[in-house]
């Protein structure tokens, strides 16, 4: 491959939404070439961990990094993936995760930014989600109650049929003649 076939390297690589165990990396791509995906190299600066994230068929220019170590230094590089190969890696970006006790002020979050909104592990269930969960549980309870009711009906019918089959009836124990008499041997 010639360098002309490769897409341009991502620019303006930034790390936002820093937390103790996660961060969001975002980037821009110069216009002009076809980009079909991105590759992100995440490496802990002490060398204990390296992760390579590769996503194709996406135009998303941000990625949430999970399972980061608390209070640790990381290096991030991003590559564009084109039809004929990958770009050169972007400039290295250094960042440090927060300590669990560190909290960013609540107004520091940019509402328009792609963040872990909706993905936060500690978030509360919303009213709509609770209604859906309760409705599903009620439906399951109704199905189970209906099953038990039908099972009791089937069991009662089956036990009544078994009693009739096993109970000998004196009127059916001996064959009768149409004249009403019993068969006797001479």
Protein backbone atom coordinates (compact mmCIF):
# COMPACT_ATOMS: atom_id res chain seq x y z
CA UNK A 1 0.00 0.00 0.00
CA UNK A 2 1.15 3.49 -0.73
CA UNK A 3 0.62 6.29 1.74
CA UNK A 4 -1.83 7.84 -0.77
CA UNK A 5 -4.17 4.83 -0.37
CA UNK A 6 -4.39 5.21 3.39
CA UNK A 7 -6.90 7.49 5.10
CA UNK A 8 -5.66 10.51 7.07
CA UNK A 9 -4.78 10.15 10.74
CA UNK A 10 -7.37 11.32 13.27
CA UNK A 11 -6.76 14.76 14.77
CA UNK A 12 -7.94 16.57 17.90
CA UNK A 13 -7.89 13.38 19.97
CA UNK A 14 -9.24 14.31 23.40
CA UNK A 15 -10.15 12.45 26.55
CA UNK A 16 -13.21 13.66 28.47
CA UNK A 17 -15.60 12.39 31.12
CA UNK A 18 -12.77 11.11 33.28
CA UNK A 19 -13.86 8.86 36.14
CA UNK A 20 -12.07 6.34 38.33
CA UNK A 21 -12.69 3.40 35.97
CA UNK A 22 -13.71 4.97 32.67
CA UNK A 23 -13.14 7.81 30.22
CA UNK A 24 -14.41 8.89 26.81
CA UNK A 25 -12.01 9.40 23.92
CA UNK A 26 -13.14 11.45 20.90
CA UNK A 27 -11.45 12.61 17.70
CA UNK A 28 -11.94 14.33 14.34
CA UNK A 29 -11.00 13.11 10.87
CA UNK A 30 -9.94 15.42 8.05
CA UNK A 31 -12.47 15.53 5.21
CA UNK A 32 -11.91 13.92 1.86
CA UNK A 33 -11.12 10.22 2.24
CA UNK A 34 -13.51 7.36 2.89
CA UNK A 35 -13.24 6.15 6.48
CA UNK A 36 -15.08 2.94 7.41
CA UNK A 37 -14.00 2.60 11.01
CA UNK A 38 -11.47 3.31 13.72
CA UNK A 39 -8.88 1.52 15.79
CA UNK A 40 -7.97 2.66 19.28
CA UNK A 41 -4.82 1.63 21.11
CA UNK A 42 -5.17 2.01 24.87
CA UNK A 43 -2.07 1.33 26.91
CA UNK A 44 -1.40 1.72 30.59
CA UNK A 45 1.77 3.76 31.00
CA UNK A 46 3.31 1.28 33.45
CA UNK A 47 2.96 -1.41 30.76
CA UNK A 48 0.66 -3.68 32.78
CA UNK A 49 -2.22 -3.51 30.33
CA UNK A 50 -2.74 -2.87 26.64
CA UNK A 51 -6.05 -2.99 24.78
CA UNK A 52 -6.76 -2.67 21.07
CA UNK A 53 -10.32 -1.68 20.12
CA UNK A 54 -11.27 -1.99 16.46
CA UNK A 55 -14.65 -0.90 15.11
CA UNK A 56 -15.62 -0.98 11.46
CA UNK A 57 -18.78 0.13 9.67
CA UNK A 58 -19.15 3.09 11.98
CA UNK A 59 -19.06 6.84 11.66
CA UNK A 60 -18.98 7.31 15.42
CA UNK A 61 -16.02 9.44 16.45
CA UNK A 62 -16.03 8.68 20.15
CA UNK A 63 -15.55 5.62 22.31
CA UNK A 64 -16.09 4.93 26.01
CA UNK A 65 -13.13 3.18 27.61
CA UNK A 66 -14.21 0.80 30.40
CA UNK A 67 -12.41 -1.19 33.07
CA UNK A 68 -9.63 1.32 33.56
CA UNK A 69 -7.54 1.15 36.71
CA UNK A 70 -8.21 3.81 39.32
CA UNK A 71 -5.64 6.60 39.60
CA UNK A 72 -3.53 5.26 36.69
CA UNK A 73 -1.79 6.86 33.71
CA UNK A 74 -2.82 5.86 30.17
CA UNK A 75 -1.76 6.59 26.60
CA UNK A 76 -4.29 6.62 23.76
CA UNK A 77 -3.75 6.60 19.99
CA UNK A 78 -6.42 6.44 17.29
CA UNK A 79 -6.19 5.24 13.69
CA UNK A 80 -8.68 5.63 10.83
CA UNK A 81 -9.58 2.49 8.89
CA UNK A 82 -10.16 3.02 5.17
CA UNK A 83 -11.01 0.75 2.29
CA UNK A 84 -7.32 0.08 1.60
CA UNK A 85 -5.82 -0.01 5.07
CA UNK A 86 -5.24 1.96 8.25
CA UNK A 87 -3.87 5.44 8.74
CA UNK A 88 -0.82 6.30 10.72
CA UNK A 89 -1.59 6.49 14.44
CA UNK A 90 -2.62 9.84 15.86
CA UNK A 91 -0.42 11.73 18.27
CA UNK A 92 -0.21 10.12 21.68
CA UNK A 93 -2.61 11.50 24.26
CA UNK A 94 -1.79 11.02 27.94
CA UNK A 95 -4.43 11.02 30.67
CA UNK A 96 -4.84 9.88 34.27
CA UNK A 97 -7.97 8.33 35.74
CA UNK A 98 -9.43 9.75 38.91
CA UNK A 99 -9.31 8.26 42.37
CA UNK A 100 -12.59 6.74 43.51
CA UNK A 101 -12.88 9.49 46.11
CA UNK A 102 -12.42 12.26 43.50
CA UNK A 103 -15.64 13.63 42.09
CA UNK A 104 -16.04 16.12 39.31
CA UNK A 105 -18.57 18.87 39.97
CA UNK A 106 -21.94 17.94 38.53
CA UNK A 107 -21.99 21.01 36.26
CA UNK A 108 -18.70 20.02 34.60
CA UNK A 109 -20.43 17.50 32.35
CA UNK A 110 -21.13 18.79 28.88
CA UNK A 111 -24.70 17.73 28.11
CA UNK A 112 -24.17 17.62 24.34
CA UNK A 113 -21.07 15.42 24.51
CA UNK A 114 -21.19 11.69 23.82
CA UNK A 115 -20.66 10.30 27.28
CA UNK A 116 -21.62 7.36 29.37
CA UNK A 117 -25.09 8.82 29.70
CA UNK A 118 -27.46 5.90 29.96
CA UNK A 119 -24.53 3.56 30.56
CA UNK A 120 -23.62 4.59 34.09
CA UNK A 121 -23.58 1.53 36.32
CA UNK A 122 -24.91 3.45 39.33
CA UNK A 123 -27.81 5.25 37.65
CA UNK A 124 -31.35 4.91 38.96
CA UNK A 125 -34.08 3.11 37.03
CA UNK A 126 -36.37 5.51 35.24
CA UNK A 127 -40.14 5.46 35.71
CA UNK A 128 -40.80 3.95 32.28
CA UNK A 129 -38.38 1.11 32.94
CA UNK A 130 -40.01 0.33 36.29
CA UNK A 131 -43.47 0.27 34.67
CA UNK A 132 -42.25 -2.15 32.00
CA UNK A 133 -40.61 -4.41 34.61
CA UNK A 134 -43.78 -4.46 36.75
CA UNK A 135 -45.97 -5.17 33.70
CA UNK A 136 -43.76 -8.10 32.67
CA UNK A 137 -43.80 -9.51 36.21
CA UNK A 138 -47.60 -9.22 36.39
CA UNK A 139 -47.95 -10.97 33.04
CA UNK A 140 -45.72 -13.81 34.23
CA UNK A 141 -47.75 -14.10 37.45
CA UNK A 142 -50.97 -14.29 35.40
CA UNK A 143 -49.51 -16.98 33.12
CA UNK A 144 -48.38 -19.02 36.11
CA UNK A 145 -51.78 -18.64 37.83
CA UNK A 146 -53.58 -19.69 34.64
CA UNK A 147 -51.28 -22.67 34.26
CA UNK A 148 -51.90 -23.76 37.88
CA UNK A 149 -55.66 -23.39 37.43
CA UNK A 150 -55.64 -25.44 34.24
CA UNK A 151 -53.36 -28.00 35.84
CA UNK A 152 -55.78 -28.42 38.78
CA UNK A 153 -58.71 -28.86 36.38
CA UNK A 154 -56.82 -31.45 34.36
CA UNK A 155 -55.65 -33.22 37.52
CA UNK A 156 -59.21 -33.31 38.95
CA UNK A 157 -60.64 -34.65 35.69
CA UNK A 158 -57.89 -37.24 35.44
CA UNK A 159 -58.36 -38.43 39.03
CA UNK A 160 -62.17 -38.69 38.53
CA UNK A 161 -61.63 -40.76 35.38
CA UNK A 162 -59.19 -43.03 37.20
CA UNK A 163 -61.65 -43.60 40.08
CA UNK A 164 -64.40 -44.58 37.64
CA UNK A 165 -62.08 -46.98 35.83
CA UNK A 166 -60.79 -48.70 38.98
CA UNK A 167 -64.08 -48.83 40.94
CA UNK A 168 -65.84 -52.11 40.09
CA UNK A 169 -69.51 -51.66 39.49
CA UNK A 170 -71.79 -54.58 40.40
CA UNK A 171 -74.18 -53.87 37.57
CA UNK A 172 -71.41 -54.18 35.00
CA UNK A 173 -69.60 -57.15 36.54
CA UNK A 174 -71.87 -59.81 35.02
CA UNK A 175 -73.18 -59.73 31.47
CA UNK A 176 -76.94 -59.38 31.21
CA UNK A 177 -79.38 -60.83 28.73
CA UNK A 178 -81.89 -58.62 27.02
CA UNK A 179 -84.58 -60.45 28.95
CA UNK A 180 -83.03 -59.32 32.21
CA UNK A 181 -81.81 -62.69 33.45
CA UNK A 182 -78.31 -63.81 34.27
CA UNK A 183 -76.47 -66.53 32.46
CA UNK A 184 -76.35 -69.78 34.34
CA UNK A 185 -74.71 -72.99 33.48
CA UNK A 186 -76.84 -76.13 33.51
